Amino acid sequence: MSGSPSSALTLCLFGPLEVLVQGEPLPRLRSRTGQWLLALLALRGGREVERSWLAGALWPDSSHSQALVALRVTLADLRRALGPEAERLRSPHPQSLALDLSGAHVDLLAFDRAIAAGE
């Protein structure tokens, strides 16, 4: 995995999703949906995302209430797997989530910054 080995959290979204927490692979999650949730939050670059939108996007075949329950279960699983980096998953408002990316390395966001800078 290429990236910034000094980052406490590294997400490689190009190719197969790879996540490092303090240099170690993210522990196994109950389902891949947890990884997709992490990727969706990372792609927002630290901005808030509505829980309802996330639930609908990740569980489109479930009822709204079932999807929100699945989101809560997936968040708990993701927080467990992130360990010391779990505090990055924030809920600025009861209806939203955000991923704090300060000090993290996300390859796709670094690529976007390089393109914007003309590099």
PDB file of N, CA and C in Angstrom:
ATOM      1  N   MET A   1       0.843  -1.171   0.000  1.00  0.00           N
ATOM      2  CA  MET A   1       0.000   0.000   0.000  1.00  0.00           C
ATOM      3  C   MET A   1       0.883   1.227   0.000  1.00  0.00           C
ATOM      4  N   SER A   2       0.620   2.110  -0.932  1.00  0.00           N
ATOM      5  CA  SER A   2       1.355   3.365  -0.918  1.00  0.00           C
ATOM      6  C   SER A   2       0.583   4.349  -0.077  1.00  0.00           C
ATOM      7  N   GLY A   3       1.257   5.323   0.445  1.00  0.00           N
ATOM      8  CA  GLY A   3       0.574   6.299   1.268  1.00  0.00           C
ATOM      9  C   GLY A   3       1.547   6.922   2.220  1.00  0.00           C
ATOM     10  N   SER A   4       1.032   7.468   3.261  1.00  0.00           N
ATOM     11  CA  SER A   4       1.859   8.129   4.238  1.00  0.00           C
ATOM     12  C   SER A   4       1.967   7.245   5.478  1.00  0.00           C
ATOM     13  N   PRO A   5       3.086   6.537   5.636  1.00  0.00           N
ATOM     14  CA  PRO A   5       3.206   5.620   6.756  1.00  0.00           C
ATOM     15  C   PRO A   5       3.153   6.311   8.107  1.00  0.00           C
ATOM     16  N   SER A   6       3.383   7.618   8.150  1.00  0.00           N
ATOM     17  CA  SER A   6       3.345   8.318   9.426  1.00  0.00           C
ATOM     18  C   SER A   6       1.926   8.709   9.831  1.00  0.00           C
ATOM     19  N   SER A   7       0.952   8.529   8.947  1.00  0.00           N
ATOM     20  CA  SER A   7      -0.429   8.876   9.254  1.00  0.00           C
ATOM     21  C   SER A   7      -1.028   7.852  10.207  1.00  0.00           C
ATOM     22  N   ALA A   8      -1.817   8.353  11.152  1.00  0.00           N
ATOM     23  CA  ALA A   8      -2.502   7.450  12.070  1.00  0.00           C
ATOM     24  C   ALA A   8      -3.596   6.678  11.342  1.00  0.00           C
ATOM     25  N   LEU A   9      -4.148   7.297  10.281  1.00  0.00           N
ATOM     26  CA  LEU A   9      -5.180   6.646   9.473  1.00  0.00           C
ATOM     27  C   LEU A   9      -4.828   6.853   8.000  1.00  0.00           C
ATOM     28  N   THR A  10      -4.754   5.760   7.260  1.00  0.00           N
ATOM     29  CA  THR A  10      -4.464   5.802   5.834  1.00  0.00           C
ATOM     30  C   THR A  10      -5.566   5.058   5.107  1.00  0.00           C
ATOM     31  N   LEU A  11      -6.161   5.728   4.114  1.00  0.00           N
ATOM     32  CA  LEU A  11      -7.197   5.102   3.294  1.00  0.00           C
ATOM     33  C   LEU A  11      -6.765   5.163   1.840  1.00  0.00           C
ATOM     34  N   CYS A  12      -6.688   4.012   1.204  1.00  0.00           N
ATOM     35  CA  CYS A  12      -6.382   3.935  -0.220  1.00  0.00           C
ATOM     36  C   CYS A  12      -7.662   3.521  -0.928  1.00  0.00           C
ATOM     37  N   LEU A  13      -8.209   4.464  -1.688  1.00  0.00           N
ATOM     38  CA  LEU A  13      -9.475   4.234  -2.372  1.00  0.00           C
ATOM     39  C   LEU A  13      -9.285   3.869  -3.837  1.00  0.00           C
ATOM     40  N   PHE A  14      -8.097   4.152  -4.393  1.00  0.00           N
ATOM     41  CA  PHE A  14      -7.799   3.708  -5.747  1.00  0.00           C
ATOM     42  C   PHE A  14      -7.550   2.209  -5.687  1.00  0.00           C
ATOM     43  N   GLY A  15      -8.179   1.457  -6.563  1.00  0.00           N
ATOM     44  CA  GLY A  15      -8.046   0.000  -6.522  1.00  0.00           C
ATOM     45  C   GLY A  15      -8.866  -0.548  -5.380  1.00  0.00           C
ATOM     46  N   PRO A  16      -8.543  -1.743  -4.908  1.00  0.00           N
ATOM     47  CA  PRO A  16      -9.286  -2.304  -3.772  1.00  0.00           C
ATOM     48  C   PRO A  16      -9.099  -1.422  -2.539  1.00  0.00           C
ATOM     49  N   LEU A  17     -10.164  -1.213  -1.807  1.00  0.00           N
ATOM     50  CA  LEU A  17     -10.109  -0.389  -0.600  1.00  0.00           C
ATOM     51  C   LEU A  17      -9.148  -1.009   0.409  1.00  0.00           C
ATOM     52  N   GLU A  18      -8.208  -0.186   0.876  1.00  0.00           N
ATOM     53  CA  GLU A  18      -7.271  -0.616   1.913  1.00  0.00           C
ATOM     54  C   GLU A  18      -7.254   0.452   2.994  1.00  0.00           C
ATOM     55  N   VAL A  19      -7.282   0.011   4.242  1.00  0.00           N
ATOM     56  CA  VAL A  19      -7.288   0.936   5.375  1.00  0.00           C
ATOM     57  C   VAL A  19      -6.215   0.495   6.358  1.00  0.00           C
ATOM     58  N   LEU A  20      -5.378   1.444   6.769  1.00  0.00           N
ATOM     59  CA  LEU A  20      -4.396   1.198   7.821  1.00  0.00           C
ATOM     60  C   LEU A  20      -4.726   2.077   9.008  1.00  0.00           C
ATOM     61  N   VAL A  21      -4.693   1.490  10.187  1.00  0.00           N
ATOM     62  CA  VAL A  21      -4.878   2.214  11.438  1.00  0.00           C
ATOM     63  C   VAL A  21      -3.570   2.091  12.201  1.00  0.00           C
ATOM     64  N   GLN A  22      -2.896   3.221  12.357  1.00  0.00           N
ATOM     65  CA  GLN A  22      -1.591   3.258  13.010  1.00  0.00           C
ATOM     66  C   GLN A  22      -0.640   2.228  12.401  1.00  0.00           C
ATOM     67  N   GLY A  23      -0.654   2.156  11.062  1.00  0.00           N
ATOM     68  CA  GLY A  23       0.257   1.294  10.330  1.00  0.00           C
ATOM     69  C   GLY A  23      -0.180  -0.152  10.180  1.00  0.00           C
ATOM     70  N   GLU A  24      -1.280  -0.531  10.800  1.00  0.00           N
ATOM     71  CA  GLU A  24      -1.762  -1.916  10.738  1.00  0.00           C
ATOM     72  C   GLU A  24      -3.062  -1.982   9.951  1.00  0.00           C
ATOM     73  N   PRO A  25      -3.298  -3.093   9.234  1.00  0.00           N
ATOM     74  CA  PRO A  25      -4.553  -3.221   8.496  1.00  0.00           C
ATOM     75  C   PRO A  25      -5.767  -3.126   9.433  1.00  0.00           C
ATOM     76  N   LEU A  26      -6.823  -2.510   8.919  1.00  0.00           N
ATOM     77  CA  LEU A  26      -8.068  -2.419   9.682  1.00  0.00           C
ATOM     78  C   LEU A  26      -8.536  -3.824  10.031  1.00  0.00           C
ATOM     79  N   PRO A  27      -8.837  -4.083  11.305  1.00  0.00           N
ATOM     80  CA  PRO A  27      -9.352  -5.410  11.661  1.00  0.00           C
ATOM     81  C   PRO A  27     -10.618  -5.731  10.877  1.00  0.00           C
ATOM     82  N   ARG A  28     -10.852  -7.001  10.703  1.00  0.00           N
ATOM     83  CA  ARG A  28     -12.007  -7.473   9.924  1.00  0.00           C
ATOM     84  C   ARG A  28     -13.313  -6.922  10.505  1.00  0.00           C
ATOM     85  N   LEU A  29     -14.159  -6.459   9.606  1.00  0.00           N
ATOM     86  CA  LEU A  29     -15.483  -5.967   9.985  1.00  0.00           C
ATOM     87  C   LEU A  29     -16.521  -7.059   9.742  1.00  0.00           C
ATOM     88  N   ARG A  30     -17.701  -6.897  10.342  1.00  0.00           N
ATOM     89  CA  ARG A  30     -18.768  -7.884  10.154  1.00  0.00           C
ATOM     90  C   ARG A  30     -19.195  -7.979   8.694  1.00  0.00           C
ATOM     91  N   SER A  31     -19.146  -6.841   7.994  1.00  0.00           N
ATOM     92  CA  SER A  31     -19.508  -6.844   6.575  1.00  0.00           C
ATOM     93  C   SER A  31     -18.709  -5.766   5.856  1.00  0.00           C
ATOM     94  N   ARG A  32     -18.674  -5.861   4.540  1.00  0.00           N
ATOM     95  CA  ARG A  32     -17.969  -4.856   3.733  1.00  0.00           C
ATOM     96  C   ARG A  32     -18.671  -3.506   3.795  1.00  0.00           C
ATOM     97  N   THR A  33     -19.907  -3.486   4.234  1.00  0.00           N
ATOM     98  CA  THR A  33     -20.643  -2.229   4.316  1.00  0.00           C
ATOM     99  C   THR A  33     -19.931  -1.234   5.230  1.00  0.00           C
ATOM    100  N   GLY A  34     -19.259  -1.719   6.248  1.00  0.00           N
ATOM    101  CA  GLY A  34     -18.489  -0.834   7.131  1.00  0.00           C
ATOM    102  C   GLY A  34     -17.373  -0.137   6.377  1.00  0.00           C
ATOM    103  N   GLN A  35     -16.711  -0.859   5.491  1.00  0.00           N
ATOM    104  CA  GLN A  35     -15.662  -0.254   4.664  1.00  0.00           C
ATOM    105  C   GLN A  35     -16.264   0.763   3.701  1.00  0.00           C
ATOM    106  N   TRP A  36     -17.417   0.444   3.134  1.00  0.00           N
ATOM    107  CA  TRP A  36     -18.077   1.370   2.212  1.00  0.00           C
ATOM    108  C   TRP A  36     -18.489   2.642   2.935  1.00  0.00           C
ATOM    109  N   LEU A  37     -18.970   2.481   4.172  1.00  0.00           N
ATOM    110  CA  LEU A  37     -19.342   3.644   4.982  1.00  0.00           C
ATOM    111  C   LEU A  37     -18.116   4.528   5.214  1.00  0.00           C
ATOM    112  N   LEU A  38     -17.015   3.912   5.584  1.00  0.00           N
ATOM    113  CA  LEU A  38     -15.778   4.659   5.810  1.00  0.00           C
ATOM    114  C   LEU A  38     -15.347   5.385   4.533  1.00  0.00           C
ATOM    115  N   ALA A  39     -15.443   4.719   3.398  1.00  0.00           N
ATOM    116  CA  ALA A  39     -15.068   5.331   2.122  1.00  0.00           C
ATOM    117  C   ALA A  39     -15.981   6.508   1.783  1.00  0.00           C
ATOM    118  N   LEU A  40     -17.285   6.339   1.964  1.00  0.00           N
ATOM    119  CA  LEU A  40     -18.217   7.435   1.675  1.00  0.00           C
ATOM    120  C   LEU A  40     -17.923   8.652   2.545  1.00  0.00           C
ATOM    121  N   LEU A  41     -17.653   8.424   3.813  1.00  0.00           N
ATOM    122  CA  LEU A  41     -17.346   9.539   4.709  1.00  0.00           C
ATOM    123  C   LEU A  41     -16.021  10.191   4.322  1.00  0.00           C
ATOM    124  N   ALA A  42     -15.040   9.388   3.954  1.00  0.00           N
ATOM    125  CA  ALA A  42     -13.737   9.941   3.545  1.00  0.00           C
ATOM    126  C   ALA A  42     -13.881  10.783   2.282  1.00  0.00           C
ATOM    127  N   LEU A  43     -14.697  10.318   1.347  1.00  0.00           N
ATOM    128  CA  LEU A  43     -14.885  11.058   0.099  1.00  0.00           C
ATOM    129  C   LEU A  43     -15.517  12.429   0.320  1.00  0.00           C
ATOM    130  N   ARG A  44     -16.185  12.623   1.416  1.00  0.00           N
ATOM    131  CA  ARG A  44     -16.779  13.921   1.743  1.00  0.00           C
ATOM    132  C   ARG A  44     -15.730  14.869   2.312  1.00  0.00           C
ATOM    133  N   GLY A  45     -14.518  14.392   2.512  1.00  0.00           N
ATOM    134  CA  GLY A  45     -13.427  15.258   2.945  1.00  0.00           C
ATOM    135  C   GLY A  45     -13.639  15.904   4.304  1.00  0.00           C
ATOM    136  N   GLY A  46     -14.292  15.210   5.210  1.00  0.00           N
ATOM    137  CA  GLY A  46     -14.505  15.734   6.554  1.00  0.00           C
ATOM    138  C   GLY A  46     -15.820  16.481   6.730  1.00  0.00           C
ATOM    139  N   ARG A  47     -16.537  16.703   5.627  1.00  0.00           N
ATOM    140  CA  ARG A  47     -17.828  17.397   5.729  1.00  0.00           C
ATOM    141  C   ARG A  47     -18.907  16.441   6.228  1.00  0.00           C
ATOM    142  N   GLU A  48     -19.962  17.019   6.780  1.00  0.00           N
ATOM    143  CA  GLU A  48     -21.073  16.233   7.317  1.00  0.00           C
ATOM    144  C   GLU A  48     -21.852  15.528   6.210  1.00  0.00           C
ATOM    145  N   VAL A  49     -22.373  14.361   6.551  1.00  0.00           N
ATOM    146  CA  VAL A  49     -23.228  13.591   5.657  1.00  0.00           C
ATOM    147  C   VAL A  49     -24.464  13.199   6.458  1.00  0.00           C
ATOM    148  N   GLU A  50     -25.636  13.371   5.858  1.00  0.00           N
ATOM    149  CA  GLU A  50     -26.880  13.010   6.531  1.00  0.00           C
ATOM    150  C   GLU A  50     -26.957  11.498   6.743  1.00  0.00           C
ATOM    151  N   ARG A  51     -27.322  11.104   7.961  1.00  0.00           N
ATOM    152  CA  ARG A  51     -27.472   9.680   8.264  1.00  0.00           C
ATOM    153  C   ARG A  51     -28.514   9.030   7.355  1.00  0.00           C
ATOM    154  N   SER A  52     -29.596   9.741   7.092  1.00  0.00           N
ATOM    155  CA  SER A  52     -30.656   9.188   6.238  1.00  0.00           C
ATOM    156  C   SER A  52     -30.128   8.867   4.846  1.00  0.00           C
ATOM    157  N   TRP A  53     -29.298   9.746   4.303  1.00  0.00           N
ATOM    158  CA  TRP A  53     -28.734   9.506   2.982  1.00  0.00           C
ATOM    159  C   TRP A  53     -27.808   8.292   3.010  1.00  0.00           C
ATOM    160  N   LEU A  54     -26.945   8.213   4.035  1.00  0.00           N
ATOM    161  CA  LEU A  54     -26.035   7.076   4.154  1.00  0.00           C
ATOM    162  C   LEU A  54     -26.816   5.766   4.264  1.00  0.00           C
ATOM    163  N   ALA A  55     -27.842   5.764   5.106  1.00  0.00           N
ATOM    164  CA  ALA A  55     -28.645   4.552   5.296  1.00  0.00           C
ATOM    165  C   ALA A  55     -29.303   4.127   3.992  1.00  0.00           C
ATOM    166  N   GLY A  56     -29.863   5.081   3.264  1.00  0.00           N
ATOM    167  CA  GLY A  56     -30.499   4.761   1.996  1.00  0.00           C
ATOM    168  C   GLY A  56     -29.518   4.295   0.939  1.00  0.00           C
ATOM    169  N   ALA A  57     -28.331   4.900   0.920  1.00  0.00           N
ATOM    170  CA  ALA A  57     -27.318   4.529  -0.069  1.00  0.00           C
ATOM    171  C   ALA A  57     -26.729   3.148   0.204  1.00  0.00           C
ATOM    172  N   LEU A  58     -26.538   2.828   1.471  1.00  0.00           N
ATOM    173  CA  LEU A  58     -25.880   1.565   1.819  1.00  0.00           C
ATOM    174  C   LEU A  58     -26.850   0.390   1.948  1.00  0.00           C
ATOM    175  N   TRP A  59     -28.115   0.682   2.265  1.00  0.00           N
ATOM    176  CA  TRP A  59     -29.125  -0.374   2.412  1.00  0.00           C
ATOM    177  C   TRP A  59     -30.371   0.007   1.612  1.00  0.00           C
ATOM    178  N   PRO A  60     -30.248   0.091   0.285  1.00  0.00           N
ATOM    179  CA  PRO A  60     -31.360   0.580  -0.529  1.00  0.00           C
ATOM    180  C   PRO A  60     -32.591  -0.327  -0.534  1.00  0.00           C
ATOM    181  N   ASP A  61     -32.409  -1.596  -0.224  1.00  0.00           N
ATOM    182  CA  ASP A  61     -33.537  -2.529  -0.249  1.00  0.00           C
ATOM    183  C   ASP A  61     -34.217  -2.677   1.099  1.00  0.00           C
ATOM    184  N   SER A  62     -33.764  -1.927   2.092  1.00  0.00           N
ATOM    185  CA  SER A  62     -34.348  -1.990   3.440  1.00  0.00           C
ATOM    186  C   SER A  62     -35.286  -0.814   3.646  1.00  0.00           C
ATOM    187  N   SER A  63     -36.191  -0.974   4.597  1.00  0.00           N
ATOM    188  CA  SER A  63     -37.034   0.162   4.969  1.00  0.00           C
ATOM    189  C   SER A  63     -36.142   1.215   5.620  1.00  0.00           C
ATOM    190  N   HIS A  64     -36.628   2.431   5.677  1.00  0.00           N
ATOM    191  CA  HIS A  64     -35.840   3.519   6.256  1.00  0.00           C
ATOM    192  C   HIS A  64     -35.420   3.194   7.693  1.00  0.00           C
ATOM    193  N   SER A  65     -36.354   2.703   8.498  1.00  0.00           N
ATOM    194  CA  SER A  65     -36.026   2.411   9.896  1.00  0.00           C
ATOM    195  C   SER A  65     -35.035   1.252  10.004  1.00  0.00           C
ATOM    196  N   GLN A  66     -35.191   0.227   9.167  1.00  0.00           N
ATOM    197  CA  GLN A  66     -34.239  -0.896   9.178  1.00  0.00           C
ATOM    198  C   GLN A  66     -32.849  -0.429   8.737  1.00  0.00           C
ATOM    199  N   ALA A  67     -32.810   0.445   7.745  1.00  0.00           N
ATOM    200  CA  ALA A  67     -31.521   0.953   7.253  1.00  0.00           C
ATOM    201  C   ALA A  67     -30.819   1.777   8.328  1.00  0.00           C
ATOM    202  N   LEU A  68     -31.566   2.563   9.084  1.00  0.00           N
ATOM    203  CA  LEU A  68     -30.957   3.357  10.165  1.00  0.00           C
ATOM    204  C   LEU A  68     -30.426   2.460  11.273  1.00  0.00           C
ATOM    205  N   VAL A  69     -31.134   1.379  11.583  1.00  0.00           N
ATOM    206  CA  VAL A  69     -30.640   0.418  12.579  1.00  0.00           C
ATOM    207  C   VAL A  69     -29.355  -0.234  12.064  1.00  0.00           C
ATOM    208  N   ALA A  70     -29.350  -0.631  10.795  1.00  0.00           N
ATOM    209  CA  ALA A  70     -28.148  -1.238  10.201  1.00  0.00           C
ATOM    210  C   ALA A  70     -26.982  -0.254  10.235  1.00  0.00           C
ATOM    211  N   LEU A  71     -27.255   1.020  10.005  1.00  0.00           N
ATOM    212  CA  LEU A  71     -26.208   2.042  10.070  1.00  0.00           C
ATOM    213  C   LEU A  71     -25.625   2.123  11.480  1.00  0.00           C
ATOM    214  N   ARG A  72     -26.486   2.116  12.483  1.00  0.00           N
ATOM    215  CA  ARG A  72     -25.985   2.172  13.875  1.00  0.00           C
ATOM    216  C   ARG A  72     -25.120   0.957  14.203  1.00  0.00           C
ATOM    217  N   VAL A  73     -25.549  -0.222  13.782  1.00  0.00           N
ATOM    218  CA  VAL A  73     -24.775  -1.449  14.036  1.00  0.00           C
ATOM    219  C   VAL A  73     -23.431  -1.382  13.306  1.00  0.00           C
ATOM    220  N   THR A  74     -23.455  -0.927  12.074  1.00  0.00           N
ATOM    221  CA  THR A  74     -22.229  -0.818  11.279  1.00  0.00           C
ATOM    222  C   THR A  74     -21.284   0.218  11.879  1.00  0.00           C
ATOM    223  N   LEU A  75     -21.828   1.333  12.359  1.00  0.00           N
ATOM    224  CA  LEU A  75     -20.991   2.347  13.019  1.00  0.00           C
ATOM    225  C   LEU A  75     -20.310   1.781  14.257  1.00  0.00           C
ATOM    226  N   ALA A  76     -21.045   1.022  15.049  1.00  0.00           N
ATOM    227  CA  ALA A  76     -20.455   0.420  16.256  1.00  0.00           C
ATOM    228  C   ALA A  76     -19.324  -0.535  15.870  1.00  0.00           C
ATOM    229  N   ASP A  77     -19.543  -1.340  14.824  1.00  0.00           N
ATOM    230  CA  ASP A  77     -18.520  -2.269  14.354  1.00  0.00           C
ATOM    231  C   ASP A  77     -17.299  -1.513  13.833  1.00  0.00           C
ATOM    232  N   LEU A  78     -17.538  -0.439  13.090  1.00  0.00           N
ATOM    233  CA  LEU A  78     -16.441   0.359  12.542  1.00  0.00           C
ATOM    234  C   LEU A  78     -15.661   1.043  13.656  1.00  0.00           C
ATOM    235  N   ARG A  79     -16.349   1.572  14.642  1.00  0.00           N
ATOM    236  CA  ARG A  79     -15.657   2.209  15.775  1.00  0.00           C
ATOM    237  C   ARG A  79     -14.780   1.201  16.504  1.00  0.00           C
ATOM    238  N   ARG A  80     -15.289   0.005  16.685  1.00  0.00           N
ATOM    239  CA  ARG A  80     -14.501  -1.054  17.339  1.00  0.00           C
ATOM    240  C   ARG A  80     -13.242  -1.330  16.534  1.00  0.00           C
ATOM    241  N   ALA A  81     -13.381  -1.473  15.222  1.00  0.00           N
ATOM    242  CA  ALA A  81     -12.245  -1.799  14.370  1.00  0.00           C
ATOM    243  C   ALA A  81     -11.226  -0.662  14.312  1.00  0.00           C
ATOM    244  N   LEU A  82     -11.697   0.581  14.337  1.00  0.00           N
ATOM    245  CA  LEU A  82     -10.788   1.730  14.279  1.00  0.00           C
ATOM    246  C   LEU A  82     -10.004   1.916  15.571  1.00  0.00           C
ATOM    247  N   GLY A  83     -10.464   1.322  16.647  1.00  0.00           N
ATOM    248  CA  GLY A  83      -9.748   1.396  17.925  1.00  0.00           C
ATOM    249  C   GLY A  83      -9.432   2.817  18.326  1.00  0.00           C
ATOM    250  N   PRO A  84      -8.141   3.144  18.477  1.00  0.00           N
ATOM    251  CA  PRO A  84      -7.763   4.482  18.936  1.00  0.00           C
ATOM    252  C   PRO A  84      -8.140   5.596  17.951  1.00  0.00           C
ATOM    253  N   GLU A  85      -8.461   5.257  16.728  1.00  0.00           N
ATOM    254  CA  GLU A  85      -8.858   6.257  15.732  1.00  0.00           C
ATOM    255  C   GLU A  85     -10.380   6.396  15.635  1.00  0.00           C
ATOM    256  N   ALA A  86     -11.117   5.694  16.481  1.00  0.00           N
ATOM    257  CA  ALA A  86     -12.582   5.721  16.442  1.00  0.00           C
ATOM    258  C   ALA A  86     -13.152   7.114  16.691  1.00  0.00           C
ATOM    259  N   GLU A  87     -12.424   7.933  17.436  1.00  0.00           N
ATOM    260  CA  GLU A  87     -12.921   9.283  17.721  1.00  0.00           C
ATOM    261  C   GLU A  87     -13.023  10.136  16.455  1.00  0.00           C
ATOM    262  N   ARG A  88     -12.434   9.669  15.361  1.00  0.00           N
ATOM    263  CA  ARG A  88     -12.555  10.383  14.087  1.00  0.00           C
ATOM    264  C   ARG A  88     -13.983  10.351  13.550  1.00  0.00           C
ATOM    265  N   LEU A  89     -14.738   9.316  13.906  1.00  0.00           N
ATOM    266  CA  LEU A  89     -16.139   9.227  13.499  1.00  0.00           C
ATOM    267  C   LEU A  89     -16.944  10.133  14.416  1.00  0.00           C
ATOM    268  N   ARG A  90     -17.447  11.205  13.854  1.00  0.00           N
ATOM    269  CA  ARG A  90     -18.136  12.214  14.672  1.00  0.00           C
ATOM    270  C   ARG A  90     -19.576  12.372  14.218  1.00  0.00           C
ATOM    271  N   SER A  91     -20.373  12.814  15.159  1.00  0.00           N
ATOM    272  CA  SER A  91     -21.760  13.120  14.862  1.00  0.00           C
ATOM    273  C   SER A  91     -21.999  14.576  15.246  1.00  0.00           C
ATOM    274  N   PRO A  92     -21.707  15.506  14.299  1.00  0.00           N
ATOM    275  CA  PRO A  92     -21.864  16.931  14.602  1.00  0.00           C
ATOM    276  C   PRO A  92     -23.292  17.291  15.002  1.00  0.00           C
ATOM    277  N   HIS A  93     -24.256  16.560  14.454  1.00  0.00           N
ATOM    278  CA  HIS A  93     -25.670  16.715  14.778  1.00  0.00           C
ATOM    279  C   HIS A  93     -26.252  15.312  14.855  1.00  0.00           C
ATOM    280  N   PRO A  94     -27.354  15.123  15.570  1.00  0.00           N
ATOM    281  CA  PRO A  94     -27.932  13.776  15.673  1.00  0.00           C
ATOM    282  C   PRO A  94     -28.267  13.141  14.315  1.00  0.00           C
ATOM    283  N   GLN A  95     -28.508  13.950  13.301  1.00  0.00           N
ATOM    284  CA  GLN A  95     -28.887  13.425  11.995  1.00  0.00           C
ATOM    285  C   GLN A  95     -27.722  13.319  11.017  1.00  0.00           C
ATOM    286  N   SER A  96     -26.489  13.591  11.467  1.00  0.00           N
ATOM    287  CA  SER A  96     -25.374  13.574  10.521  1.00  0.00           C
ATOM    288  C   SER A  96     -24.138  12.889  11.101  1.00  0.00           C
ATOM    289  N   LEU A  97     -23.252  12.532  10.184  1.00  0.00           N
ATOM    290  CA  LEU A  97     -21.964  11.934  10.533  1.00  0.00           C
ATOM    291  C   LEU A  97     -20.871  12.647   9.757  1.00  0.00           C
ATOM    292  N   ALA A  98     -19.665  12.602  10.287  1.00  0.00           N
ATOM    293  CA  ALA A  98     -18.498  13.137   9.590  1.00  0.00           C
ATOM    294  C   ALA A  98     -17.289  12.321  10.019  1.00  0.00           C
ATOM    295  N   LEU A  99     -16.292  12.300   9.157  1.00  0.00           N
ATOM    296  CA  LEU A  99     -15.032  11.627   9.466  1.00  0.00           C
ATOM    297  C   LEU A  99     -13.949  12.690   9.528  1.00  0.00           C
ATOM    298  N   ASP A 100     -13.354  12.844  10.688  1.00  0.00           N
ATOM    299  CA  ASP A 100     -12.264  13.809  10.871  1.00  0.00           C
ATOM    300  C   ASP A 100     -11.023  13.253  10.179  1.00  0.00           C
ATOM    301  N   LEU A 101     -10.563  13.957   9.166  1.00  0.00           N
ATOM    302  CA  LEU A 101      -9.414  13.494   8.380  1.00  0.00           C
ATOM    303  C   LEU A 101      -8.129  14.243   8.713  1.00  0.00           C
ATOM    304  N   SER A 102      -8.136  15.045   9.777  1.00  0.00           N
ATOM    305  CA  SER A 102      -6.909  15.767  10.124  1.00  0.00           C
ATOM    306  C   SER A 102      -5.803  14.760  10.454  1.00  0.00           C
ATOM    307  N   GLY A 103      -4.673  14.923   9.778  1.00  0.00           N
ATOM    308  CA  GLY A 103      -3.540  14.023   9.975  1.00  0.00           C
ATOM    309  C   GLY A 103      -3.672  12.688   9.278  1.00  0.00           C
ATOM    310  N   ALA A 104      -4.784  12.457   8.590  1.00  0.00           N
ATOM    311  CA  ALA A 104      -4.986  11.197   7.870  1.00  0.00           C
ATOM    312  C   ALA A 104      -4.488  11.354   6.433  1.00  0.00           C
ATOM    313  N   HIS A 105      -4.220  10.237   5.791  1.00  0.00           N
ATOM    314  CA  HIS A 105      -3.846  10.249   4.378  1.00  0.00           C
ATOM    315  C   HIS A 105      -4.918   9.487   3.609  1.00  0.00           C
ATOM    316  N   VAL A 106      -5.561  10.173   2.659  1.00  0.00           N
ATOM    317  CA  VAL A 106      -6.542   9.554   1.768  1.00  0.00           C
ATOM    318  C   VAL A 106      -6.021   9.777   0.349  1.00  0.00           C
ATOM    319  N   ASP A 107      -5.649   8.696  -0.320  1.00  0.00           N
ATOM    320  CA  ASP A 107      -5.002   8.830  -1.630  1.00  0.00           C
ATOM    321  C   ASP A 107      -5.843   9.610  -2.631  1.00  0.00           C
ATOM    322  N   LEU A 108      -7.119   9.385  -2.674  1.00  0.00           N
ATOM    323  CA  LEU A 108      -7.970  10.072  -3.639  1.00  0.00           C
ATOM    324  C   LEU A 108      -8.041  11.573  -3.374  1.00  0.00           C
ATOM    325  N   LEU A 109      -8.103  11.951  -2.109  1.00  0.00           N
ATOM    326  CA  LEU A 109      -8.136  13.377  -1.773  1.00  0.00           C
ATOM    327  C   LEU A 109      -6.784  14.033  -2.069  1.00  0.00           C
ATOM    328  N   ALA A 110      -5.687  13.306  -1.827  1.00  0.00           N
ATOM    329  CA  ALA A 110      -4.359  13.830  -2.168  1.00  0.00           C
ATOM    330  C   ALA A 110      -4.238  14.006  -3.678  1.00  0.00           C
ATOM    331  N   PHE A 111      -4.788  13.080  -4.431  1.00  0.00           N
ATOM    332  CA  PHE A 111      -4.788  13.179  -5.896  1.00  0.00           C
ATOM    333  C   PHE A 111      -5.583  14.409  -6.345  1.00  0.00           C
ATOM    334  N   ASP A 112      -6.773  14.595  -5.768  1.00  0.00           N
ATOM    335  CA  ASP A 112      -7.594  15.763  -6.102  1.00  0.00           C
ATOM    336  C   ASP A 112      -6.859  17.081  -5.793  1.00  0.00           C
ATOM    337  N   ARG A 113      -6.168  17.136  -4.661  1.00  0.00           N
ATOM    338  CA  ARG A 113      -5.407  18.346  -4.309  1.00  0.00           C
ATOM    339  C   ARG A 113      -4.282  18.585  -5.313  1.00  0.00           C
ATOM    340  N   ALA A 114      -3.614  17.522  -5.713  1.00  0.00           N
ATOM    341  CA  ALA A 114      -2.519  17.656  -6.682  1.00  0.00           C
ATOM    342  C   ALA A 114      -3.047  18.133  -8.035  1.00  0.00           C
ATOM    343  N   ILE A 115      -4.164  17.630  -8.467  1.00  0.00           N
ATOM    344  CA  ILE A 115      -4.765  18.072  -9.734  1.00  0.00           C
ATOM    345  C   ILE A 115      -5.136  19.554  -9.639  1.00  0.00           C
ATOM    346  N   ALA A 116      -5.763  19.931  -8.530  1.00  0.00           N
ATOM    347  CA  ALA A 116      -6.168  21.340  -8.338  1.00  0.00           C
ATOM    348  C   ALA A 116      -4.967  22.267  -8.333  1.00  0.00           C
ATOM    349  N   ALA A 117      -3.828  21.771  -7.836  1.00  0.00           N
ATOM    350  CA  ALA A 117      -2.606  22.590  -7.782  1.00  0.00           C
ATOM    351  C   ALA A 117      -1.827  22.529  -9.098  1.00  0.00           C
ATOM    352  N   GLY A 118      -2.326  21.753 -10.050  1.00  0.00           N
ATOM    353  CA  GLY A 118      -1.649  21.653 -11.337  1.00  0.00           C
ATOM    354  C   GLY A 118      -0.440  20.745 -11.326  1.00  0.00           C
ATOM    355  N   GLU A 119      -0.370  19.860 -10.369  1.00  0.00           N
ATOM    356  CA  GLU A 119       0.774  18.939 -10.268  1.00  0.00           C
ATOM    357  C   GLU A 119       0.503  17.646 -11.020  1.00  0.00           C
TER     358      GLU A 119
END
